[in-house]
Amino acid sequence: MVAALAEQPSSRLLKHIIRCYLRLSDNPRACDALRSCLPDMLRDATFSSCLREDQTTRRWLQQLLHNVGVNRVP
């Protein structure tokens, strides 16, 4: 789903996906799993243009990356 978003961006869908991953990262076991399976497109700057206008979703993504221990924030 995340890969499809890279080809046809939808800010609304991206917001829901990031929020779901963020909620998962609240659970310690899920957070451990996300360290290895979080899509690279959420770790790099792939969606930075989609998130430029959406402060809330950008903050959620930063929190998600912080929770799973990723240093790079788009």
PDB file of N, CA and C in Angstrom:
ATOM      1  N   MET A   1       0.828  -1.189   0.000  1.00  0.00           N
ATOM      2  CA  MET A   1       0.000   0.000   0.000  1.00  0.00           C
ATOM      3  C   MET A   1       0.872   1.254   0.000  1.00  0.00           C
ATOM      4  N   VAL A   2       1.919   1.241   0.809  1.00  0.00           N
ATOM      5  CA  VAL A   2       2.804   2.406   0.880  1.00  0.00           C
ATOM      6  C   VAL A   2       3.514   2.613  -0.453  1.00  0.00           C
ATOM      7  N   ALA A   3       3.915   1.523  -1.097  1.00  0.00           N
ATOM      8  CA  ALA A   3       4.574   1.633  -2.404  1.00  0.00           C
ATOM      9  C   ALA A   3       3.621   2.215  -3.440  1.00  0.00           C
ATOM     10  N   ALA A   4       2.354   1.847  -3.378  1.00  0.00           N
ATOM     11  CA  ALA A   4       1.365   2.393  -4.309  1.00  0.00           C
ATOM     12  C   ALA A   4       1.183   3.890  -4.080  1.00  0.00           C
ATOM     13  N   LEU A   5       1.311   4.323  -2.844  1.00  0.00           N
ATOM     14  CA  LEU A   5       1.190   5.752  -2.535  1.00  0.00           C
ATOM     15  C   LEU A   5       2.318   6.559  -3.155  1.00  0.00           C
ATOM     16  N   ALA A   6       3.474   5.949  -3.285  1.00  0.00           N
ATOM     17  CA  ALA A   6       4.603   6.659  -3.891  1.00  0.00           C
ATOM     18  C   ALA A   6       4.311   6.963  -5.356  1.00  0.00           C
ATOM     19  N   GLU A   7       3.568   6.060  -6.014  1.00  0.00           N
ATOM     20  CA  GLU A   7       3.231   6.257  -7.423  1.00  0.00           C
ATOM     21  C   GLU A   7       2.038   7.185  -7.600  1.00  0.00           C
ATOM     22  N   GLN A   8       1.031   7.035  -6.747  1.00  0.00           N
ATOM     23  CA  GLN A   8      -0.157   7.884  -6.799  1.00  0.00           C
ATOM     24  C   GLN A   8      -0.420   8.427  -5.399  1.00  0.00           C
ATOM     25  N   PRO A   9       0.215   9.539  -5.059  1.00  0.00           N
ATOM     26  CA  PRO A   9       0.097  10.070  -3.694  1.00  0.00           C
ATOM     27  C   PRO A   9      -1.329  10.476  -3.318  1.00  0.00           C
ATOM     28  N   SER A  10      -1.711  10.130  -2.110  1.00  0.00           N
ATOM     29  CA  SER A  10      -2.977  10.542  -1.523  1.00  0.00           C
ATOM     30  C   SER A  10      -2.679  10.960  -0.089  1.00  0.00           C
ATOM     31  N   SER A  11      -2.750  12.242   0.172  1.00  0.00           N
ATOM     32  CA  SER A  11      -2.426  12.750   1.512  1.00  0.00           C
ATOM     33  C   SER A  11      -3.331  12.140   2.571  1.00  0.00           C
ATOM     34  N   ARG A  12      -4.588  11.979   2.221  1.00  0.00           N
ATOM     35  CA  ARG A  12      -5.548  11.455   3.188  1.00  0.00           C
ATOM     36  C   ARG A  12      -5.224  10.010   3.567  1.00  0.00           C
ATOM     37  N   LEU A  13      -4.940   9.179   2.561  1.00  0.00           N
ATOM     38  CA  LEU A  13      -4.593   7.788   2.830  1.00  0.00           C
ATOM     39  C   LEU A  13      -3.263   7.696   3.575  1.00  0.00           C
ATOM     40  N   LEU A  14      -2.302   8.509   3.185  1.00  0.00           N
ATOM     41  CA  LEU A  14      -1.006   8.526   3.862  1.00  0.00           C
ATOM     42  C   LEU A  14      -1.178   8.873   5.340  1.00  0.00           C
ATOM     43  N   LYS A  15      -2.046   9.821   5.620  1.00  0.00           N
ATOM     44  CA  LYS A  15      -2.314  10.225   7.001  1.00  0.00           C
ATOM     45  C   LYS A  15      -2.835   9.037   7.814  1.00  0.00           C
ATOM     46  N   HIS A  16      -3.763   8.271   7.235  1.00  0.00           N
ATOM     47  CA  HIS A  16      -4.322   7.113   7.941  1.00  0.00           C
ATOM     48  C   HIS A  16      -3.269   6.018   8.143  1.00  0.00           C
ATOM     49  N   ILE A  17      -2.440   5.800   7.143  1.00  0.00           N
ATOM     50  CA  ILE A  17      -1.396   4.775   7.245  1.00  0.00           C
ATOM     51  C   ILE A  17      -0.385   5.140   8.326  1.00  0.00           C
ATOM     52  N   ILE A  18       0.049   6.392   8.331  1.00  0.00           N
ATOM     53  CA  ILE A  18       1.018   6.837   9.343  1.00  0.00           C
ATOM     54  C   ILE A  18       0.417   6.724  10.735  1.00  0.00           C
ATOM     55  N   ARG A  19      -0.840   7.098  10.872  1.00  0.00           N
ATOM     56  CA  ARG A  19      -1.504   7.023  12.173  1.00  0.00           C
ATOM     57  C   ARG A  19      -1.597   5.576  12.657  1.00  0.00           C
ATOM     58  N   CYS A  20      -1.892   4.646  11.759  1.00  0.00           N
ATOM     59  CA  CYS A  20      -1.955   3.224  12.133  1.00  0.00           C
ATOM     60  C   CYS A  20      -0.593   2.718  12.604  1.00  0.00           C
ATOM     61  N   TYR A  21       0.453   3.046  11.848  1.00  0.00           N
ATOM     62  CA  TYR A  21       1.801   2.643  12.262  1.00  0.00           C
ATOM     63  C   TYR A  21       2.163   3.283  13.603  1.00  0.00           C
ATOM     64  N   LEU A  22       1.769   4.527  13.799  1.00  0.00           N
ATOM     65  CA  LEU A  22       2.069   5.207  15.060  1.00  0.00           C
ATOM     66  C   LEU A  22       1.396   4.502  16.228  1.00  0.00           C
ATOM     67  N   ARG A  23       0.140   4.120  16.048  1.00  0.00           N
ATOM     68  CA  ARG A  23      -0.573   3.402  17.116  1.00  0.00           C
ATOM     69  C   ARG A  23       0.081   2.054  17.395  1.00  0.00           C
ATOM     70  N   LEU A  24       0.511   1.375  16.328  1.00  0.00           N
ATOM     71  CA  LEU A  24       1.213   0.103  16.515  1.00  0.00           C
ATOM     72  C   LEU A  24       2.500   0.304  17.313  1.00  0.00           C
ATOM     73  N   SER A  25       3.175   1.408  17.069  1.00  0.00           N
ATOM     74  CA  SER A  25       4.455   1.651  17.743  1.00  0.00           C
ATOM     75  C   SER A  25       4.287   1.894  19.242  1.00  0.00           C
ATOM     76  N   ASP A  26       3.060   2.085  19.708  1.00  0.00           N
ATOM     77  CA  ASP A  26       2.803   2.227  21.143  1.00  0.00           C
ATOM     78  C   ASP A  26       2.962   0.894  21.878  1.00  0.00           C
ATOM     79  N   ASN A  27       2.819  -0.208  21.137  1.00  0.00           N
ATOM     80  CA  ASN A  27       2.948  -1.536  21.716  1.00  0.00           C
ATOM     81  C   ASN A  27       4.403  -1.990  21.588  1.00  0.00           C
ATOM     82  N   PRO A  28       5.048  -2.359  22.694  1.00  0.00           N
ATOM     83  CA  PRO A  28       6.474  -2.719  22.636  1.00  0.00           C
ATOM     84  C   PRO A  28       6.806  -3.835  21.640  1.00  0.00           C
ATOM     85  N   ARG A  29       5.982  -4.873  21.579  1.00  0.00           N
ATOM     86  CA  ARG A  29       6.263  -5.972  20.636  1.00  0.00           C
ATOM     87  C   ARG A  29       6.085  -5.517  19.198  1.00  0.00           C
ATOM     88  N   ALA A  30       5.045  -4.745  18.947  1.00  0.00           N
ATOM     89  CA  ALA A  30       4.824  -4.237  17.590  1.00  0.00           C
ATOM     90  C   ALA A  30       5.937  -3.271  17.202  1.00  0.00           C
ATOM     91  N   CYS A  31       6.379  -2.478  18.151  1.00  0.00           N
ATOM     92  CA  CYS A  31       7.459  -1.521  17.886  1.00  0.00           C
ATOM     93  C   CYS A  31       8.742  -2.254  17.492  1.00  0.00           C
ATOM     94  N   ASP A  32       9.036  -3.351  18.167  1.00  0.00           N
ATOM     95  CA  ASP A  32      10.203  -4.161  17.797  1.00  0.00           C
ATOM     96  C   ASP A  32      10.069  -4.680  16.371  1.00  0.00           C
ATOM     97  N   ALA A  33       8.879  -5.135  16.011  1.00  0.00           N
ATOM     98  CA  ALA A  33       8.649  -5.647  14.654  1.00  0.00           C
ATOM     99  C   ALA A  33       8.776  -4.527  13.624  1.00  0.00           C
ATOM    100  N   LEU A  34       8.299  -3.339  13.966  1.00  0.00           N
ATOM    101  CA  LEU A  34       8.362  -2.217  13.025  1.00  0.00           C
ATOM    102  C   LEU A  34       9.801  -1.809  12.726  1.00  0.00           C
ATOM    103  N   ARG A  35      10.698  -2.049  13.643  1.00  0.00           N
ATOM    104  CA  ARG A  35      12.106  -1.699  13.394  1.00  0.00           C
ATOM    105  C   ARG A  35      12.639  -2.399  12.153  1.00  0.00           C
ATOM    106  N   SER A  36      12.132  -3.595  11.891  1.00  0.00           N
ATOM    107  CA  SER A  36      12.631  -4.336  10.727  1.00  0.00           C
ATOM    108  C   SER A  36      11.691  -4.284   9.526  1.00  0.00           C
ATOM    109  N   CYS A  37      10.421  -3.949   9.736  1.00  0.00           N
ATOM    110  CA  CYS A  37       9.503  -4.027   8.595  1.00  0.00           C
ATOM    111  C   CYS A  37       8.825  -2.703   8.234  1.00  0.00           C
ATOM    112  N   LEU A  38       9.176  -1.618   8.888  1.00  0.00           N
ATOM    113  CA  LEU A  38       8.616  -0.322   8.505  1.00  0.00           C
ATOM    114  C   LEU A  38       9.101   0.013   7.095  1.00  0.00           C
ATOM    115  N   PRO A  39       8.193   0.346   6.183  1.00  0.00           N
ATOM    116  CA  PRO A  39       8.606   0.621   4.796  1.00  0.00           C
ATOM    117  C   PRO A  39       9.655   1.735   4.714  1.00  0.00           C
ATOM    118  N   ASP A  40      10.666   1.497   3.880  1.00  0.00           N
ATOM    119  CA  ASP A  40      11.736   2.484   3.697  1.00  0.00           C
ATOM    120  C   ASP A  40      11.192   3.827   3.229  1.00  0.00           C
ATOM    121  N   MET A  41      10.101   3.811   2.493  1.00  0.00           N
ATOM    122  CA  MET A  41       9.532   5.059   1.980  1.00  0.00           C
ATOM    123  C   MET A  41       9.034   5.966   3.099  1.00  0.00           C
ATOM    124  N   LEU A  42       8.732   5.383   4.251  1.00  0.00           N
ATOM    125  CA  LEU A  42       8.359   6.207   5.398  1.00  0.00           C
ATOM    126  C   LEU A  42       9.597   6.698   6.140  1.00  0.00           C
ATOM    127  N   ARG A  43      10.723   6.045   5.924  1.00  0.00           N
ATOM    128  CA  ARG A  43      11.964   6.422   6.590  1.00  0.00           C
ATOM    129  C   ARG A  43      12.723   7.510   5.836  1.00  0.00           C
ATOM    130  N   ASP A  44      12.547   7.571   4.527  1.00  0.00           N
ATOM    131  CA  ASP A  44      13.274   8.577   3.746  1.00  0.00           C
ATOM    132  C   ASP A  44      12.331   9.732   3.380  1.00  0.00           C
ATOM    133  N   ALA A  45      12.713  10.541   2.457  1.00  0.00           N
ATOM    134  CA  ALA A  45      11.942  11.749   2.129  1.00  0.00           C
ATOM    135  C   ALA A  45      10.944  11.542   0.990  1.00  0.00           C
ATOM    136  N   THR A  46      10.533  10.303   0.737  1.00  0.00           N
ATOM    137  CA  THR A  46       9.627  10.008  -0.371  1.00  0.00           C
ATOM    138  C   THR A  46       8.348  10.832  -0.308  1.00  0.00           C
ATOM    139  N   PHE A  47       7.780  10.986   0.872  1.00  0.00           N
ATOM    140  CA  PHE A  47       6.485  11.648   1.004  1.00  0.00           C
ATOM    141  C   PHE A  47       6.581  13.078   1.532  1.00  0.00           C
ATOM    142  N   SER A  48       7.758  13.655   1.516  1.00  0.00           N
ATOM    143  CA  SER A  48       7.911  14.997   2.087  1.00  0.00           C
ATOM    144  C   SER A  48       7.043  16.030   1.376  1.00  0.00           C
ATOM    145  N   SER A  49       6.849  15.897   0.073  1.00  0.00           N
ATOM    146  CA  SER A  49       6.000  16.866  -0.636  1.00  0.00           C
ATOM    147  C   SER A  49       4.540  16.721  -0.220  1.00  0.00           C
ATOM    148  N   CYS A  50       4.092  15.497   0.043  1.00  0.00           N
ATOM    149  CA  CYS A  50       2.711  15.277   0.498  1.00  0.00           C
ATOM    150  C   CYS A  50       2.490  15.844   1.895  1.00  0.00           C
ATOM    151  N   LEU A  51       3.540  15.801   2.703  1.00  0.00           N
ATOM    152  CA  LEU A  51       3.410  16.211   4.101  1.00  0.00           C
ATOM    153  C   LEU A  51       3.741  17.678   4.339  1.00  0.00           C
ATOM    154  N   ARG A  52       4.158  18.359   3.308  1.00  0.00           N
ATOM    155  CA  ARG A  52       4.594  19.748   3.467  1.00  0.00           C
ATOM    156  C   ARG A  52       3.513  20.615   4.116  1.00  0.00           C
ATOM    157  N   GLU A  53       2.276  20.437   3.712  1.00  0.00           N
ATOM    158  CA  GLU A  53       1.183  21.275   4.214  1.00  0.00           C
ATOM    159  C   GLU A  53       0.495  20.694   5.454  1.00  0.00           C
ATOM    160  N   ASP A  54       0.813  19.464   5.794  1.00  0.00           N
ATOM    161  CA  ASP A  54       0.105  18.793   6.888  1.00  0.00           C
ATOM    162  C   ASP A  54       1.022  18.634   8.101  1.00  0.00           C
ATOM    163  N   GLN A  55       0.999  19.624   8.960  1.00  0.00           N
ATOM    164  CA  GLN A  55       1.863  19.638  10.151  1.00  0.00           C
ATOM    165  C   GLN A  55       1.581  18.450  11.075  1.00  0.00           C
ATOM    166  N   THR A  56       0.308  18.121  11.243  1.00  0.00           N
ATOM    167  CA  THR A  56      -0.068  17.050  12.164  1.00  0.00           C
ATOM    168  C   THR A  56       0.497  15.711  11.715  1.00  0.00           C
ATOM    169  N   THR A  57       0.299  15.376  10.449  1.00  0.00           N
ATOM    170  CA  THR A  57       0.792  14.093   9.942  1.00  0.00           C
ATOM    171  C   THR A  57       2.307  14.059   9.945  1.00  0.00           C
ATOM    172  N   ARG A  58       2.930  15.183   9.644  1.00  0.00           N
ATOM    173  CA  ARG A  58       4.391  15.247   9.683  1.00  0.00           C
ATOM    174  C   ARG A  58       4.889  14.988  11.111  1.00  0.00           C
ATOM    175  N   ARG A  59       4.205  15.546  12.088  1.00  0.00           N
ATOM    176  CA  ARG A  59       4.559  15.321  13.492  1.00  0.00           C
ATOM    177  C   ARG A  59       4.354  13.849  13.876  1.00  0.00           C
ATOM    178  N   TRP A  60       3.249  13.252  13.386  1.00  0.00           N
ATOM    179  CA  TRP A  60       3.006  11.835  13.656  1.00  0.00           C
ATOM    180  C   TRP A  60       4.123  10.977  13.083  1.00  0.00           C
ATOM    181  N   LEU A  61       4.559  11.294  11.864  1.00  0.00           N
ATOM    182  CA  LEU A  61       5.635  10.532  11.233  1.00  0.00           C
ATOM    183  C   LEU A  61       6.931  10.693  12.027  1.00  0.00           C
ATOM    184  N   GLN A  62       7.222  11.896  12.478  1.00  0.00           N
ATOM    185  CA  GLN A  62       8.421  12.115  13.293  1.00  0.00           C
ATOM    186  C   GLN A  62       8.354  11.296  14.578  1.00  0.00           C
ATOM    187  N   GLN A  63       7.183  11.268  15.198  1.00  0.00           N
ATOM    188  CA  GLN A  63       7.017  10.494  16.433  1.00  0.00           C
ATOM    189  C   GLN A  63       7.165   9.001  16.156  1.00  0.00           C
ATOM    190  N   LEU A  64       6.593   8.537  15.057  1.00  0.00           N
ATOM    191  CA  LEU A  64       6.725   7.129  14.673  1.00  0.00           C
ATOM    192  C   LEU A  64       8.193   6.756  14.499  1.00  0.00           C
ATOM    193  N   LEU A  65       8.920   7.570  13.751  1.00  0.00           N
ATOM    194  CA  LEU A  65      10.334   7.293  13.513  1.00  0.00           C
ATOM    195  C   LEU A  65      11.130   7.333  14.816  1.00  0.00           C
ATOM    196  N   HIS A  66      10.775   8.239  15.691  1.00  0.00           N
ATOM    197  CA  HIS A  66      11.422   8.298  17.008  1.00  0.00           C
ATOM    198  C   HIS A  66      11.132   7.020  17.799  1.00  0.00           C
ATOM    199  N   ASN A  67       9.870   6.591  17.792  1.00  0.00           N
ATOM    200  CA  ASN A  67       9.467   5.401  18.547  1.00  0.00           C
ATOM    201  C   ASN A  67      10.205   4.145  18.090  1.00  0.00           C
ATOM    202  N   VAL A  68      10.407   4.022  16.784  1.00  0.00           N
ATOM    203  CA  VAL A  68      11.072   2.812  16.283  1.00  0.00           C
ATOM    204  C   VAL A  68      12.589   2.980  16.205  1.00  0.00           C
ATOM    205  N   GLY A  69      13.076   4.150  16.584  1.00  0.00           N
ATOM    206  CA  GLY A  69      14.512   4.355  16.665  1.00  0.00           C
ATOM    207  C   GLY A  69      15.181   4.725  15.365  1.00  0.00           C
ATOM    208  N   VAL A  70      14.458   5.363  14.480  1.00  0.00           N
ATOM    209  CA  VAL A  70      15.038   5.828  13.217  1.00  0.00           C
ATOM    210  C   VAL A  70      15.482   7.260  13.426  1.00  0.00           C
ATOM    211  N   ASN A  71      16.738   7.555  13.124  1.00  0.00           N
ATOM    212  CA  ASN A  71      17.271   8.898  13.356  1.00  0.00           C
ATOM    213  C   ASN A  71      16.896   9.887  12.272  1.00  0.00           C
ATOM    214  N   ARG A  72      16.772   9.427  11.055  1.00  0.00           N
ATOM    215  CA  ARG A  72      16.509  10.340   9.946  1.00  0.00           C
ATOM    216  C   ARG A  72      15.027  10.672   9.859  1.00  0.00           C
ATOM    217  N   VAL A  73      14.716  11.962   9.849  1.00  0.00           N
ATOM    218  CA  VAL A  73      13.338  12.429   9.753  1.00  0.00           C
ATOM    219  C   VAL A  73      13.209  13.250   8.490  1.00  0.00           C
ATOM    220  N   PRO A  74      12.226  12.910   7.622  1.00  0.00           N
ATOM    221  CA  PRO A  74      12.066  13.680   6.373  1.00  0.00           C
ATOM    222  C   PRO A  74      11.633  15.101   6.609  1.00  0.00           C
TER     223      PRO A  74
END
